[in-house]
């Protein structure tokens, strides 16, 4: 990869990361509203709520990534691109939801016992799990979007 392409890819990744921060905010707001409304904060119920919050955020993400990150102005094959975006995102969602659910369901107690921080409430663990899932899914999504969905 030449210097120009390296700079372009870095710029895209930085824009992708900015959108990722906004998406994470959307995801966590929706997830916390769901968990506070239902009282479900772990297990399969949490996983379902995390899936819903992820889908809301990924819909927001498509339009920002298409127009700003990857600057895809073409109208050609819009349906195919959106389908590919959803496909990459669903795999990203499975990664995201799995990591988040494992974190709040299986890692919360051992970590709480190890660090013994009283302020780590179940509601804070909802966000910790959500952030863990987002962090792990970040690279999968960028690679899939850059090299498959919005490839030049």
Protein backbone atom coordinates (compact mmCIF):
# COMPACT_ATOMS: atom_id res chain seq x y z
CA UNK A 1 0.00 0.00 0.00
CA UNK A 2 1.42 3.38 -0.97
CA UNK A 3 1.59 6.43 1.29
CA UNK A 4 -1.45 8.09 -0.26
CA UNK A 5 -3.57 4.96 0.24
CA UNK A 6 -2.27 4.56 3.80
CA UNK A 7 -3.26 8.15 4.64
CA UNK A 8 -6.67 7.63 3.02
CA UNK A 9 -7.26 4.42 4.99
CA UNK A 10 -6.19 6.07 8.24
CA UNK A 11 -8.50 9.01 7.56
CA UNK A 12 -11.37 6.61 6.85
CA UNK A 13 -10.65 4.65 10.02
CA UNK A 14 -10.65 7.86 12.09
CA UNK A 15 -14.01 8.92 10.60
CA UNK A 16 -15.27 5.38 11.18
CA UNK A 17 -14.16 5.63 14.81
CA UNK A 18 -15.96 8.98 15.28
CA UNK A 19 -19.15 7.46 13.88
CA UNK A 20 -18.49 4.46 16.10
CA UNK A 21 -18.45 6.70 19.17
CA UNK A 22 -21.80 8.21 18.11
CA UNK A 23 -23.20 4.72 17.38
CA UNK A 24 -21.99 3.53 20.76
CA UNK A 25 -23.89 6.40 22.35
CA UNK A 26 -27.06 5.48 20.44
CA UNK A 27 -26.55 1.80 21.31
CA UNK A 28 -25.99 2.44 25.03
CA UNK A 29 -28.89 4.90 25.37
CA UNK A 30 -31.29 2.42 23.76
CA UNK A 31 -29.84 -0.51 25.78
CA UNK A 32 -30.07 1.34 29.10
CA UNK A 33 -33.65 2.45 28.38
CA UNK A 34 -34.55 -1.18 27.61
CA UNK A 35 -32.87 -2.62 30.71
CA UNK A 36 -34.26 0.05 33.05
CA UNK A 37 -37.73 -0.45 31.58
CA UNK A 38 -37.72 -4.25 31.77
CA UNK A 39 -35.41 -4.80 34.76
CA UNK A 40 -33.56 -7.50 32.76
CA UNK A 41 -29.82 -6.98 33.08
CA UNK A 42 -28.21 -10.33 32.12
CA UNK A 43 -28.74 -13.67 30.40
CA UNK A 44 -30.75 -14.26 27.23
CA UNK A 45 -33.09 -11.31 27.91
CA UNK A 46 -30.11 -8.98 28.04
CA UNK A 47 -28.82 -10.51 24.79
CA UNK A 48 -32.10 -9.80 23.02
CA UNK A 49 -32.15 -6.20 24.27
CA UNK A 50 -28.51 -5.76 23.19
CA UNK A 51 -29.45 -7.07 19.74
CA UNK A 52 -32.26 -4.50 19.43
CA UNK A 53 -30.04 -1.62 20.55
CA UNK A 54 -27.32 -2.73 18.13
CA UNK A 55 -29.75 -2.80 15.19
CA UNK A 56 -30.95 0.73 15.94
CA UNK A 57 -27.34 1.94 16.01
CA UNK A 58 -26.31 0.08 12.83
CA UNK A 59 -29.13 1.64 10.81
CA UNK A 60 -27.87 5.07 11.89
CA UNK A 61 -24.34 3.92 10.99
CA UNK A 62 -25.08 2.92 7.39
CA UNK A 63 -25.95 6.40 6.22
CA UNK A 64 -23.08 8.14 8.03
CA UNK A 65 -20.49 5.61 6.87
CA UNK A 66 -21.76 5.62 3.28
CA UNK A 67 -21.67 9.39 2.92
CA UNK A 68 -18.89 10.51 5.27
CA UNK A 69 -16.45 7.69 6.03
CA UNK A 70 -16.29 6.01 2.64
CA UNK A 71 -17.72 8.94 0.64
CA UNK A 72 -19.75 6.64 -1.56
CA UNK A 73 -21.86 8.96 -3.68
CA UNK A 74 -23.03 6.37 -6.19
CA UNK A 75 -26.68 5.46 -6.34
CA UNK A 76 -25.86 2.32 -8.33
CA UNK A 77 -26.46 -0.99 -6.54
CA UNK A 78 -27.84 0.77 -3.44
CA UNK A 79 -29.92 -2.27 -2.50
CA UNK A 80 -26.94 -4.60 -2.87
CA UNK A 81 -24.71 -2.31 -0.79
CA UNK A 82 -27.29 -2.02 1.95
CA UNK A 83 -27.74 -5.82 1.96
CA UNK A 84 -23.98 -6.32 2.21
CA UNK A 85 -23.80 -3.71 4.98
CA UNK A 86 -26.52 -5.53 6.89
CA UNK A 87 -24.75 -8.89 6.35
CA UNK A 88 -21.43 -7.56 7.70
CA UNK A 89 -23.31 -5.83 10.52
CA UNK A 90 -25.21 -8.98 11.50
CA UNK A 91 -21.94 -10.88 11.88
CA UNK A 92 -20.62 -7.86 13.78
CA UNK A 93 -23.78 -7.94 15.90
CA UNK A 94 -23.25 -11.62 16.72
CA UNK A 95 -19.69 -10.83 17.79
CA UNK A 96 -20.84 -7.73 19.70
CA UNK A 97 -23.79 -9.38 21.45
CA UNK A 98 -21.83 -12.53 22.30
CA UNK A 99 -18.98 -10.60 23.90
CA UNK A 100 -21.38 -8.28 25.76
CA UNK A 101 -23.50 -11.16 27.05
CA UNK A 102 -20.47 -13.22 28.11
CA UNK A 103 -19.10 -10.15 29.91
CA UNK A 104 -22.24 -9.42 31.96
CA UNK A 105 -23.26 -13.04 32.50
CA UNK A 106 -19.95 -14.83 33.13
CA UNK A 107 -17.20 -12.27 33.73
CA UNK A 108 -19.01 -9.76 35.98
CA UNK A 109 -18.79 -11.79 39.20
CA UNK A 110 -15.16 -12.95 38.90
CA UNK A 111 -14.04 -9.44 37.96
CA UNK A 112 -16.07 -7.88 40.78
CA UNK A 113 -14.53 -10.36 43.25
CA UNK A 114 -11.03 -9.65 41.94
CA UNK A 115 -11.16 -5.84 41.87
CA UNK A 116 -13.78 -5.41 44.66
CA UNK A 117 -15.06 -2.05 43.45
CA UNK A 118 -18.44 -1.35 45.07
CA UNK A 119 -19.51 1.22 42.46
CA UNK A 120 -19.67 -1.44 39.72
CA UNK A 121 -23.43 -1.96 39.93
CA UNK A 122 -25.41 -4.28 37.67
CA UNK A 123 -26.52 -1.23 35.67
CA UNK A 124 -22.90 -0.13 35.16
CA UNK A 125 -22.09 -3.68 34.03
CA UNK A 126 -24.79 -3.29 31.36
CA UNK A 127 -22.66 -0.52 29.83
CA UNK A 128 -19.35 -2.32 30.48
CA UNK A 129 -20.68 -5.35 28.60
CA UNK A 130 -21.95 -3.13 25.79
CA UNK A 131 -18.58 -1.40 25.46
CA UNK A 132 -16.70 -4.71 25.46
CA UNK A 133 -18.90 -5.98 22.63
CA UNK A 134 -18.42 -2.78 20.66
CA UNK A 135 -14.63 -2.88 21.06
CA UNK A 136 -14.32 -6.44 19.79
CA UNK A 137 -16.68 -5.90 16.83
CA UNK A 138 -15.02 -2.65 15.71
CA UNK A 139 -12.30 -4.15 13.51
CA UNK A 140 -14.54 -6.76 11.89
CA UNK A 141 -17.01 -4.07 10.83
CA UNK A 142 -14.39 -1.67 9.44
CA UNK A 143 -12.70 -4.36 7.33
CA UNK A 144 -16.03 -5.67 6.03
CA UNK A 145 -17.36 -2.23 5.15
CA UNK A 146 -14.12 -0.97 3.58
CA UNK A 147 -13.19 -4.00 1.51
CA UNK A 148 -16.57 -5.42 0.61
CA UNK A 149 -19.47 -2.98 0.97
CA UNK A 150 -17.93 0.36 -0.03
CA UNK A 151 -14.88 -0.85 -1.97
CA UNK A 152 -13.83 1.48 -4.76
